[in-house]
Amino acid sequence: MRTNVLEDLDEIVKKVPDKIAFADDHTSYSFKDIYEHSGSIATKLAEDGFYKEPVLIFMKKSPEEIASFFGVIRSGCYYVPIDEEMPVTRISLIIENCKARAMIIDESTKEAAGRLAYEGRIYSYEEMLGTSVNLKTLTSIREKAIDTDPIYIVFTSGSTGVPKGVCACHRSVLDYIEQLSDVLGFNEDTVFGNQSPLYFDACLKEVYPTIRYGATTYLIPHELFTFPKKIVEYLNDKKINTICWVVSALTIISSFKTFDSIKPEYLHTIAFGSEVFPIKQYRLWRAALPDATFTNLYGPTEGTGMSCYYRVAKDHVFEDHDVIPIGRPFKNTEVMLIKPDNTLARDGEEGEITLRGTCVTLGYYNNPEKTKEAFVQNPLNTAYPEIVYKTGDIGKRDADGNLIFVSRKDYQIKHMGHRIELGEIESNVNLLEEIKMSGCIYDDQKGKIVLYYVGDISAGEVTGRLKEMLPRYMLPNKIRQLNEMPFTANGKIDRKQLKNMYLNA
């Protein structure tokens, strides 16, 4: 039984030391490179007295950054990735929360790091590689490690504007990779195309299976996602056969008719999540890749990545208003739908998606108040301590027992006396042939539904068409056309920015 993610690294470096593990447009690292460079970093940290504490990693997205992750883990510490894409205020809040005494930088972030109000020790990645590996020290550290030791802290957005650091341990990551890999069929022939930044938990889907199976991951340049055709050209050039992307990244390709001129030649495994996949866009992907497997994934950062999956049958025909289910939980995970009165929802009833099992992370770092709000005693168990995680998502089960994502609790509104899911409005808008993507917000003060969209159709035409599709109380009060939709760093539609655009208009 594995108890530490480093066991995978120990094994794979013996099997395929020279195979490419991670690569970008500038660098490619073999498994031997990851092993040796992480050993130098770990030794330097250990020699300087860092142990069982957070270490900030402020580097560009690169194979070097991944080597730093494993270096921090081998030192007995846990890594906290930050990035220049983050606002300086957010980075400062993360530094304040972690109180990390060490930070690893590279040449590209050296200047930015110097502008931060950081009083800890700053290490240059390049200089750390000059440290000779001390196997005796690293072996001693490993012998004292247990599977509930932290491995990373990843920060999510807090409702108050203060980021929350989700702390995960080896046990939950190992379990997640085991279940995810079994569902998606990862192996030594898998070639990943990574879309997400490395400071999100989404990258777990590529980083750790690559180490587990001796696969290969290409870190796709962020700027390519502005040019749909170039993304597909990149996938073909690198012979990428597996992608695990947010839905918006997929729709950027399909909504701009990219498949009319070029298709991914090697893709056979497509996993998607974080947002609802518009049926219209799913159909375009299925038509372009009829033999590929498509799997809908669902799960929060607090649940160590993804917790549920739904494999879409190749011959399944979705109606226009259907929603692709999020399916069933991974093995060793239970999903409970809890109603407001803390009882279990019956079939067909809605309830808050609540996770139980090894997937539940350790909580929010240095934030006991927020931890107590979301990581709670299982309301269905009063016999012994058992912590479960309340996701804030509303779900229900269909007639086949599959979970259906309904909405975020904070994405449901009360408008004109009716409870409305803003996602339902978006789903109907996305059915219009001319619409590429859309996003809805709600003005609480004035009681107005505001729709933003990208597409070759006027706002007036959208209104007219929606009158035939939605009841009057669900019609947007304001409709605004955009040349392009704002996205978060992880590629999801940035609804906070949409609301700011509306309030500042």
Protein backbone atom coordinates (compact mmCIF):
# COMPACT_ATOMS: atom_id res chain seq x y z
CA MET A 1 0.00 0.00 0.00
CA ARG A 2 1.36 3.39 -0.99
CA THR A 3 1.55 5.96 1.79
CA ASN A 4 3.59 8.70 0.07
CA VAL A 5 3.46 10.11 -3.47
CA LEU A 6 7.25 9.91 -3.60
CA GLU A 7 7.04 6.13 -3.81
CA ASP A 8 5.79 6.54 -7.38
CA LEU A 9 8.75 8.75 -8.23
CA ASP A 10 11.18 6.25 -6.71
CA GLU A 11 9.75 3.45 -8.83
CA ILE A 12 9.29 5.23 -12.15
CA VAL A 13 12.81 6.69 -12.25
CA LYS A 14 14.15 3.12 -12.18
CA LYS A 15 11.85 1.99 -15.02
CA VAL A 16 12.06 4.87 -17.53
CA PRO A 17 14.69 7.33 -16.30
CA ASP A 18 15.24 9.02 -19.66
CA LYS A 19 11.66 9.26 -20.87
CA ILE A 20 10.20 12.79 -21.08
CA ALA A 21 7.98 13.41 -18.07
CA PHE A 22 7.11 17.12 -18.43
CA ALA A 23 7.80 19.56 -21.24
CA ASP A 24 6.91 23.04 -22.40
CA ASP A 25 8.10 25.12 -25.35
CA HIS A 26 11.47 25.76 -23.71
CA THR A 27 12.37 22.77 -21.55
CA SER A 28 11.77 19.05 -21.31
CA TYR A 29 12.47 17.14 -18.10
CA SER A 30 12.95 13.39 -17.92
CA PHE A 31 11.96 11.41 -14.85
CA LYS A 32 15.65 11.34 -13.95
CA ASP A 33 15.74 15.16 -14.14
CA ILE A 34 12.72 15.42 -11.82
CA TYR A 35 14.28 12.97 -9.38
CA GLU A 36 17.75 14.52 -9.29
CA HIS A 37 16.65 18.16 -9.26
CA SER A 38 14.05 17.54 -6.57
CA GLY A 39 16.75 15.82 -4.52
CA SER A 40 18.98 18.89 -4.64
CA ILE A 41 16.12 21.19 -3.66
CA ALA A 42 15.05 18.89 -0.81
CA THR A 43 18.58 18.62 0.52
CA LYS A 44 19.06 22.40 0.52
CA LEU A 45 15.81 23.00 2.37
CA ALA A 46 16.56 20.25 4.90
CA GLU A 47 20.11 21.48 5.52
CA ASP A 48 18.75 24.95 6.23
CA GLY A 49 16.28 23.63 8.80
CA PHE A 50 12.97 23.64 6.91
CA TYR A 51 10.72 20.74 7.87
CA LYS A 52 6.97 20.12 8.15
CA GLU A 53 6.11 23.67 7.06
CA PRO A 54 4.85 25.50 3.95
CA VAL A 55 7.27 26.57 1.23
CA LEU A 56 6.16 29.11 -1.36
CA ILE A 57 6.93 28.34 -5.00
CA PHE A 58 6.86 31.50 -7.11
CA MET A 59 7.88 30.33 -10.56
CA LYS A 60 6.60 30.39 -14.11
CA LYS A 61 4.58 27.39 -15.27
CA SER A 62 7.31 24.96 -16.30
CA PRO A 63 8.88 21.53 -15.74
CA GLU A 64 11.20 23.29 -13.30
CA GLU A 65 8.22 24.31 -11.17
CA ILE A 66 7.02 20.71 -11.02
CA ALA A 67 10.52 19.59 -9.96
CA SER A 68 10.27 22.17 -7.17
CA PHE A 69 6.97 20.64 -6.03
CA PHE A 70 8.65 17.29 -5.55
CA GLY A 71 11.70 18.90 -3.99
CA VAL A 72 9.56 20.50 -1.30
CA ILE A 73 7.73 17.22 -0.69
CA ARG A 74 11.01 15.31 -0.37
CA SER A 75 12.18 17.82 2.25
CA GLY A 76 9.21 16.86 4.42
CA CYS A 77 7.49 20.19 3.74
CA TYR A 78 4.45 21.09 1.65
CA TYR A 79 4.37 23.39 -1.35
CA VAL A 80 2.29 26.54 -1.89
CA PRO A 81 2.27 27.59 -5.55
CA ILE A 82 1.79 31.26 -6.47
CA ASP A 83 2.09 32.93 -9.86
CA GLU A 84 2.60 36.31 -11.51
CA GLU A 85 -0.90 35.95 -13.00
CA MET A 86 -2.25 36.50 -9.49
CA PRO A 87 -2.93 40.08 -8.35
CA VAL A 88 -0.26 41.34 -5.97
CA THR A 89 -2.91 41.81 -3.26
CA ARG A 90 -3.87 38.13 -3.50
CA ILE A 91 -0.24 37.02 -3.30
CA SER A 92 0.23 39.21 -0.22
CA LEU A 93 -2.81 37.65 1.47
CA ILE A 94 -1.47 34.17 0.72
CA ILE A 95 1.93 35.06 2.18
CA GLU A 96 0.24 36.49 5.26
CA ASN A 97 -1.89 33.38 5.71
CA CYS A 98 0.89 30.83 5.23
CA LYS A 99 3.62 32.67 7.11
CA ALA A 100 6.06 30.60 5.05
CA ARG A 101 9.71 31.08 5.94
CA ALA A 102 11.00 30.07 2.49
CA MET A 103 10.20 30.90 -1.12
CA ILE A 104 11.64 29.36 -4.29
CA ILE A 105 11.83 31.60 -7.38
CA ASP A 106 13.32 31.41 -10.85
CA GLU A 107 14.87 34.05 -13.10
CA SER A 108 11.50 34.99 -14.60
CA THR A 109 9.97 35.85 -11.20
CA LYS A 110 13.04 37.32 -9.50
CA GLU A 111 12.04 40.93 -10.13
CA ALA A 112 8.42 40.41 -9.10
CA ALA A 113 9.49 38.60 -5.93
CA GLY A 114 11.68 41.56 -5.01
CA ARG A 115 8.64 43.82 -5.04
CA LEU A 116 6.74 41.68 -2.55
CA ALA A 117 6.68 42.51 1.14
CA TYR A 118 8.24 39.16 1.96
CA GLU A 119 10.62 38.76 4.90
CA GLY A 120 11.43 35.07 4.59
CA ARG A 121 14.33 33.41 2.82
CA ILE A 122 14.26 33.52 -0.99
CA TYR A 123 15.95 30.70 -2.90
CA SER A 124 16.90 30.73 -6.56
CA TYR A 125 15.86 27.49 -8.24
CA GLU A 126 18.93 27.59 -10.45
CA GLU A 127 21.26 28.00 -7.47
CA MET A 128 19.56 25.23 -5.47
CA LEU A 129 20.45 22.73 -8.19
CA GLY A 130 24.09 23.15 -7.19
CA THR A 131 23.43 21.39 -3.88
CA SER A 132 24.73 17.82 -3.68
CA VAL A 133 22.00 15.35 -2.82
CA ASN A 134 22.24 13.93 0.71
CA LEU A 135 20.42 10.61 0.47
CA LYS A 136 20.99 9.87 4.14
CA THR A 137 19.15 13.03 5.16
CA LEU A 138 16.31 12.46 2.69
CA THR A 139 15.93 8.83 3.76
CA SER A 140 15.68 9.91 7.39
CA ILE A 141 12.94 12.40 6.48
CA ARG A 142 10.99 9.76 4.56
CA GLU A 143 11.15 7.25 7.40
CA LYS A 144 9.33 9.69 9.66
CA ALA A 145 6.61 10.52 7.10
CA ILE A 146 3.02 9.30 7.38
CA ASP A 147 0.17 9.44 4.87
CA THR A 148 -1.73 12.23 6.61
CA ASP A 149 1.20 14.64 6.28
CA PRO A 150 0.32 17.67 4.14
CA ILE A 151 1.51 17.72 0.54
CA TYR A 152 0.29 21.11 -0.73
CA ILE A 153 -1.82 24.17 -0.02
CA VAL A 154 -3.89 25.48 -2.94
CA PHE A 155 -5.78 28.72 -2.51
CA THR A 156 -9.36 29.21 -3.64
CA SER A 157 -11.40 32.39 -3.68
CA GLY A 158 -13.18 33.29 -0.47
CA SER A 159 -16.65 34.85 -0.40
CA THR A 160 -15.23 37.80 1.55
CA GLY A 161 -12.44 38.36 -0.97
CA VAL A 162 -9.88 36.67 1.27
CA PRO A 163 -8.42 33.51 -0.33
CA LYS A 164 -8.73 30.22 1.55
CA GLY A 165 -5.85 27.75 1.54
CA VAL A 166 -7.02 24.17 1.06
CA CYS A 167 -4.52 21.79 2.66
CA ALA A 168 -4.37 18.22 1.29
CA CYS A 169 -2.41 15.20 2.46
CA HIS A 170 -0.66 12.26 0.77
CA ARG A 171 -3.50 9.86 1.56
CA SER A 172 -6.16 11.90 -0.25
CA VAL A 173 -3.95 12.58 -3.29
CA LEU A 174 -2.96 8.92 -3.63
CA ASP A 175 -6.59 7.82 -3.39
CA TYR A 176 -7.69 10.44 -5.92
CA ILE A 177 -5.05 9.44 -8.48
CA GLU A 178 -5.89 5.76 -8.02
CA GLN A 179 -9.61 6.29 -8.67
CA LEU A 180 -9.24 8.87 -11.44
CA SER A 181 -6.67 6.79 -13.31
CA ASP A 182 -8.84 3.70 -13.10
CA VAL A 183 -11.85 5.56 -14.52
CA LEU A 184 -9.98 7.31 -17.35
CA GLY A 185 -7.55 4.51 -18.15
CA PHE A 186 -4.22 6.30 -17.75
CA ASN A 187 -1.08 4.28 -18.53
CA GLU A 188 2.50 4.63 -19.79
CA ASP A 189 1.22 5.55 -23.27
CA THR A 190 -0.84 8.47 -22.03
CA VAL A 191 0.23 11.85 -23.39
CA PHE A 192 -1.45 14.66 -21.47
CA GLY A 193 -2.08 18.18 -22.70
CA ASN A 194 -2.18 20.32 -19.55
CA GLN A 195 -4.45 23.36 -19.73
CA SER A 196 -4.71 24.56 -16.13
CA PRO A 197 -2.21 26.72 -14.22
CA LEU A 198 -0.03 24.82 -11.77
CA TYR A 199 -1.36 26.81 -8.83
CA PHE A 200 -4.78 25.15 -9.18
CA ASP A 201 -5.61 21.66 -7.98
CA ALA A 202 -6.78 20.88 -11.55
CA CYS A 203 -3.19 20.10 -12.51
CA LEU A 204 -3.24 17.08 -10.16
CA LYS A 205 -4.96 15.15 -12.96
CA GLU A 206 -1.80 15.29 -15.05
CA VAL A 207 1.12 15.77 -12.65
CA TYR A 208 0.69 12.76 -10.38
CA PRO A 209 -0.55 10.19 -12.94
CA THR A 210 2.46 11.13 -15.07
CA ILE A 211 4.72 10.16 -12.19
CA ARG A 212 2.63 7.08 -11.33
CA TYR A 213 2.59 5.53 -14.81
CA GLY A 214 5.56 7.03 -16.61
CA ALA A 215 3.28 9.05 -18.89
CA THR A 216 4.19 12.38 -20.52
CA THR A 217 2.66 15.82 -19.92
CA TYR A 218 2.98 18.82 -22.22
CA LEU A 219 2.31 22.17 -20.57
CA ILE A 220 0.30 23.99 -23.23
CA PRO A 221 1.20 27.72 -23.45
CA HIS A 222 -1.60 29.84 -22.00
CA GLU A 223 -1.60 32.24 -24.95
CA LEU A 224 -2.61 29.49 -27.38
CA PHE A 225 -6.10 29.41 -25.90
CA THR A 226 -6.76 32.71 -27.66
CA PHE A 227 -6.28 30.95 -31.00
CA PRO A 228 -8.46 27.81 -31.27
CA LYS A 229 -6.84 26.47 -34.44
CA LYS A 230 -3.36 26.77 -32.93
CA ILE A 231 -4.47 24.75 -29.90
CA VAL A 232 -5.48 21.85 -32.14
CA GLU A 233 -2.27 22.18 -34.15
CA TYR A 234 -0.35 21.94 -30.87
CA LEU A 235 -2.30 18.85 -29.81
CA ASN A 236 -1.48 17.18 -33.13
CA ASP A 237 2.17 18.24 -33.13
CA LYS A 238 2.76 16.73 -29.67
CA LYS A 239 0.56 13.68 -30.38
CA ILE A 240 -1.50 14.47 -27.28
CA ASN A 241 -4.12 11.78 -26.67
CA THR A 242 -5.62 12.80 -23.31
CA ILE A 243 -6.99 16.11 -22.04
CA CYS A 244 -8.68 16.99 -18.75
CA TRP A 245 -9.90 20.55 -19.29
CA VAL A 246 -12.42 23.02 -17.96
CA VAL A 247 -15.46 23.26 -20.23
CA SER A 248 -14.69 26.80 -21.39
CA ALA A 249 -11.38 25.63 -22.88
CA LEU A 250 -13.23 23.04 -24.95
CA THR A 251 -15.93 25.44 -26.11
CA ILE A 252 -13.32 27.96 -27.25
CA ILE A 253 -12.37 25.39 -29.88
CA SER A 254 -15.80 24.10 -30.90
CA SER A 255 -17.74 27.37 -30.87
CA PHE A 256 -15.45 29.00 -33.43
CA LYS A 257 -15.95 26.23 -36.02
CA THR A 258 -12.36 25.05 -35.66
CA PHE A 259 -13.33 21.47 -36.52
CA ASP A 260 -14.35 22.60 -40.02
CA SER A 261 -10.67 22.96 -40.90
CA ILE A 262 -8.72 20.82 -38.41
CA LYS A 263 -9.41 18.06 -35.88
CA PRO A 264 -7.34 16.53 -33.08
CA GLU A 265 -5.78 13.47 -34.68
CA TYR A 266 -4.62 11.61 -31.59
CA LEU A 267 -7.19 12.49 -28.90
CA HIS A 268 -8.99 9.45 -27.53
CA THR A 269 -9.73 10.56 -23.94
CA ILE A 270 -11.53 13.82 -23.14
CA ALA A 271 -12.46 14.65 -19.56
CA PHE A 272 -14.19 17.90 -18.70
CA GLY A 273 -15.50 19.63 -15.62
CA SER A 274 -15.84 22.75 -13.46
CA GLU A 275 -18.77 24.04 -15.57
CA VAL A 276 -21.82 22.66 -17.34
CA PHE A 277 -20.93 21.53 -20.87
CA PRO A 278 -23.50 23.08 -23.27
CA ILE A 279 -25.16 20.25 -25.20
CA LYS A 280 -24.65 22.10 -28.48
CA GLN A 281 -20.89 22.24 -27.91
CA TYR A 282 -20.73 18.63 -26.72
CA ARG A 283 -22.37 17.52 -29.96
CA LEU A 284 -19.70 19.33 -31.99
CA TRP A 285 -16.94 17.56 -30.07
CA ARG A 286 -18.65 14.18 -30.35
CA ALA A 287 -19.14 14.64 -34.11
CA ALA A 288 -15.47 15.56 -34.53
CA LEU A 289 -14.23 12.63 -32.41
CA PRO A 290 -16.89 9.89 -32.62
CA ASP A 291 -14.61 7.15 -31.25
CA ALA A 292 -13.22 9.10 -28.28
CA THR A 293 -14.41 8.68 -24.70
CA PHE A 294 -16.01 11.69 -23.04
CA THR A 295 -16.21 11.83 -19.24
CA ASN A 296 -17.84 14.53 -17.15
CA LEU A 297 -15.96 15.11 -13.88
CA TYR A 298 -17.18 16.92 -10.80
CA GLY A 299 -15.50 17.84 -7.55
CA PRO A 300 -14.26 20.72 -5.39
CA THR A 301 -10.72 21.62 -4.39
CA GLU A 302 -11.72 20.71 -0.83
CA GLY A 303 -12.41 17.18 -2.09
CA THR A 304 -8.88 16.77 -3.53
CA GLY A 305 -9.93 17.52 -7.09
CA MET A 306 -12.70 15.51 -8.71
CA SER A 307 -15.08 13.28 -6.75
CA CYS A 308 -17.65 12.08 -9.32
CA TYR A 309 -17.64 10.95 -12.93
CA TYR A 310 -20.04 10.17 -15.75
CA ARG A 311 -18.86 8.33 -18.86
CA VAL A 312 -21.01 9.47 -21.76
CA ALA A 313 -22.14 6.51 -23.87
CA LYS A 314 -21.12 6.89 -27.51
CA ASP A 315 -24.64 6.30 -28.75
CA HIS A 316 -26.34 8.49 -26.15
CA VAL A 317 -28.48 11.19 -27.74
CA PHE A 318 -29.06 14.27 -25.61
CA GLU A 319 -32.09 16.46 -26.08
CA ASP A 320 -31.53 20.22 -26.30
CA HIS A 321 -32.45 20.88 -22.68
CA ASP A 322 -30.70 17.87 -21.19
CA VAL A 323 -27.83 18.26 -18.75
CA ILE A 324 -24.92 15.83 -18.80
CA PRO A 325 -24.99 14.11 -15.37
CA ILE A 326 -22.03 14.23 -13.00
CA GLY A 327 -22.74 10.56 -12.45
CA ARG A 328 -21.52 8.59 -9.49
CA PRO A 329 -18.79 9.05 -6.90
CA PHE A 330 -15.38 7.46 -7.26
CA LYS A 331 -14.72 4.36 -5.20
CA ASN A 332 -14.05 5.13 -1.55
CA THR A 333 -16.11 8.32 -1.79
CA GLU A 334 -19.72 8.86 -0.77
CA VAL A 335 -21.87 11.74 -1.98
CA MET A 336 -24.73 12.65 0.34
CA LEU A 337 -27.47 15.09 -0.67
CA ILE A 338 -28.32 16.92 2.54
CA LYS A 339 -31.44 19.05 2.85
CA PRO A 340 -31.54 22.26 4.96
CA ASP A 341 -33.01 20.30 7.88
CA ASN A 342 -29.92 18.02 7.85
CA THR A 343 -31.83 15.02 6.55
CA LEU A 344 -31.03 12.98 3.45
CA ALA A 345 -32.79 14.01 0.23
CA ARG A 346 -35.03 11.35 -1.31
CA ASP A 347 -34.83 10.38 -4.99
CA GLY A 348 -35.68 13.39 -7.12
CA GLU A 349 -35.28 15.84 -4.24
CA GLU A 350 -32.57 18.47 -4.21
CA GLY A 351 -29.92 18.65 -1.52
CA GLU A 352 -26.49 20.10 -0.86
CA ILE A 353 -23.77 17.87 -2.28
CA THR A 354 -21.76 16.73 0.75
CA LEU A 355 -18.63 14.59 0.47
CA ARG A 356 -17.61 11.80 2.80
CA GLY A 357 -14.38 9.79 2.66
CA THR A 358 -10.63 9.97 2.13
CA CYS A 359 -11.10 12.67 -0.51
CA VAL A 360 -12.01 15.23 2.17
CA THR A 361 -8.96 17.43 2.69
CA LEU A 362 -7.48 18.63 5.97
CA GLY A 363 -9.32 21.97 5.94
CA TYR A 364 -8.38 25.59 5.38
CA TYR A 365 -4.85 26.46 6.46
CA ASN A 366 -4.67 28.84 9.44
CA ASN A 367 -8.40 29.48 9.12
CA PRO A 368 -10.31 27.53 11.80
CA GLU A 369 -13.46 29.67 11.46
CA LYS A 370 -13.98 28.95 7.74
CA THR A 371 -12.95 25.33 8.28
CA LYS A 372 -15.69 24.83 10.88
CA GLU A 373 -18.29 26.26 8.49
CA ALA A 374 -17.62 23.81 5.65
CA PHE A 375 -15.84 20.83 7.22
CA VAL A 376 -18.49 19.60 9.62
CA GLN A 377 -19.58 16.58 11.60
CA ASN A 378 -21.58 14.22 9.42
CA PRO A 379 -25.18 15.21 10.27
CA LEU A 380 -26.29 11.63 9.66
CA ASN A 381 -23.83 10.22 12.20
CA THR A 382 -24.00 11.10 15.88
CA ALA A 383 -22.08 8.07 17.16
CA TYR A 384 -18.45 9.11 16.55
CA PRO A 385 -16.43 12.00 15.05
CA GLU A 386 -16.61 12.04 11.25
CA ILE A 387 -15.80 15.12 9.21
CA VAL A 388 -17.58 15.67 5.87
CA TYR A 389 -17.35 18.56 3.43
CA LYS A 390 -20.32 20.73 2.45
CA THR A 391 -19.66 21.82 -1.15
CA GLY A 392 -22.21 24.60 -1.44
CA ASP A 393 -23.48 22.90 -4.62
CA ILE A 394 -27.05 21.73 -5.08
CA GLY A 395 -27.68 18.38 -6.73
CA LYS A 396 -30.29 15.68 -7.24
CA ARG A 397 -30.43 12.13 -8.60
CA ASP A 398 -32.15 11.15 -11.82
CA ALA A 399 -34.21 8.02 -12.44
CA ASP A 400 -31.04 6.01 -13.11
CA GLY A 401 -29.42 7.08 -9.85
CA ASN A 402 -26.97 9.44 -11.54
CA LEU A 403 -26.15 12.70 -9.80
CA ILE A 404 -27.26 15.87 -11.58
CA PHE A 405 -25.62 19.18 -10.77
CA VAL A 406 -28.36 21.76 -10.28
CA SER A 407 -26.60 24.95 -9.21
CA ARG A 408 -24.32 26.65 -6.76
CA LYS A 409 -26.23 27.71 -3.64
CA ASP A 410 -25.08 31.26 -4.32
CA TYR A 411 -26.07 30.98 -8.00
CA GLN A 412 -29.75 30.56 -7.20
CA ILE A 413 -31.71 33.79 -7.08
CA LYS A 414 -35.18 34.87 -5.99
CA HIS A 415 -36.63 37.05 -8.76
CA MET A 416 -40.22 38.26 -9.14
CA GLY A 417 -41.24 35.76 -6.45
CA HIS A 418 -39.68 32.80 -8.26
CA ARG A 419 -36.57 30.77 -7.47
CA ILE A 420 -34.39 30.82 -10.58
CA GLU A 421 -31.20 29.01 -11.57
CA LEU A 422 -29.08 31.42 -13.60
CA GLY A 423 -27.47 28.38 -15.20
CA GLU A 424 -30.83 27.42 -16.71
CA ILE A 425 -30.98 30.77 -18.49
CA GLU A 426 -27.45 30.27 -19.81
CA SER A 427 -28.32 26.77 -21.02
CA ASN A 428 -31.18 28.12 -23.11
CA VAL A 429 -29.09 30.98 -24.49
CA ASN A 430 -26.35 28.54 -25.47
CA LEU A 431 -28.85 26.56 -27.55
CA LEU A 432 -29.09 29.45 -30.03
CA GLU A 433 -27.01 28.59 -33.08
CA GLU A 434 -25.35 32.01 -33.27
CA ILE A 435 -24.27 32.01 -29.60
CA LYS A 436 -20.69 30.95 -28.81
CA MET A 437 -20.90 31.33 -25.02
CA SER A 438 -22.84 33.21 -22.39
CA GLY A 439 -22.78 34.20 -18.73
CA CYS A 440 -25.52 35.50 -16.41
CA ILE A 441 -25.26 37.66 -13.30
CA TYR A 442 -27.84 39.14 -10.95
CA ASP A 443 -28.07 42.70 -9.67
CA ASP A 444 -29.32 42.14 -6.11
CA GLN A 445 -29.90 45.84 -5.46
CA LYS A 446 -32.09 46.54 -8.50
CA GLY A 447 -33.45 43.02 -8.93
CA LYS A 448 -32.25 42.64 -12.52
CA ILE A 449 -31.00 39.60 -14.45
CA VAL A 450 -28.11 40.58 -16.72
CA LEU A 451 -26.98 38.42 -19.62
CA TYR A 452 -23.61 38.71 -21.36
CA TYR A 453 -22.91 36.75 -24.53
CA VAL A 454 -20.48 36.29 -27.40
CA GLY A 455 -22.05 35.56 -30.77
CA ASP A 456 -23.17 36.78 -34.18
CA ILE A 457 -26.63 37.91 -33.15
CA SER A 458 -28.02 41.20 -31.86
CA ALA A 459 -29.23 41.66 -28.30
CA GLY A 460 -32.72 42.35 -29.63
CA GLU A 461 -32.77 39.08 -31.54
CA VAL A 462 -31.62 37.21 -28.44
CA THR A 463 -34.51 38.72 -26.47
CA GLY A 464 -37.02 37.73 -29.14
CA ARG A 465 -35.78 34.15 -29.32
CA LEU A 466 -35.68 33.76 -25.53
CA LYS A 467 -39.32 34.82 -25.26
CA GLU A 468 -40.13 31.58 -27.08
CA MET A 469 -37.95 29.51 -24.73
CA LEU A 470 -38.30 30.93 -21.21
CA PRO A 471 -41.14 32.04 -18.95
CA ARG A 472 -41.44 35.79 -18.60
CA TYR A 473 -40.00 35.91 -15.09
CA MET A 474 -36.77 34.26 -16.31
CA LEU A 475 -36.09 36.66 -19.19
CA PRO A 476 -32.94 38.77 -18.71
CA ASN A 477 -33.67 42.43 -17.96
CA LYS A 478 -30.48 43.53 -19.68
CA ILE A 479 -28.58 41.80 -22.50
CA ARG A 480 -25.10 42.88 -23.51
CA GLN A 481 -22.95 41.60 -26.36
CA LEU A 482 -19.19 41.10 -25.88
CA ASN A 483 -16.39 40.55 -28.37
CA GLU A 484 -14.88 38.03 -25.97
CA MET A 485 -15.84 36.51 -22.65
CA PRO A 486 -13.63 37.15 -19.59
CA PHE A 487 -12.13 34.02 -18.07
CA THR A 488 -10.51 33.18 -14.76
CA ALA A 489 -6.90 31.98 -14.74
CA ASN A 490 -8.20 28.42 -14.76
CA GLY A 491 -10.23 29.03 -17.93
CA LYS A 492 -13.72 29.29 -16.42
CA ILE A 493 -16.10 32.15 -17.24
CA ASP A 494 -15.25 34.95 -14.82
CA ARG A 495 -18.66 35.96 -13.48
CA LYS A 496 -17.15 38.25 -10.86
CA GLN A 497 -15.58 40.28 -13.65
CA LEU A 498 -18.91 40.31 -15.51
CA LYS A 499 -20.56 41.76 -12.42
CA ASN A 500 -17.83 44.37 -12.07
CA MET A 501 -18.28 45.30 -15.74
CA TYR A 502 -22.00 45.77 -15.14
CA LEU A 503 -21.60 47.78 -11.93
CA ASN A 504 -18.95 50.04 -13.47
CA ALA A 505 -20.75 50.59 -16.76
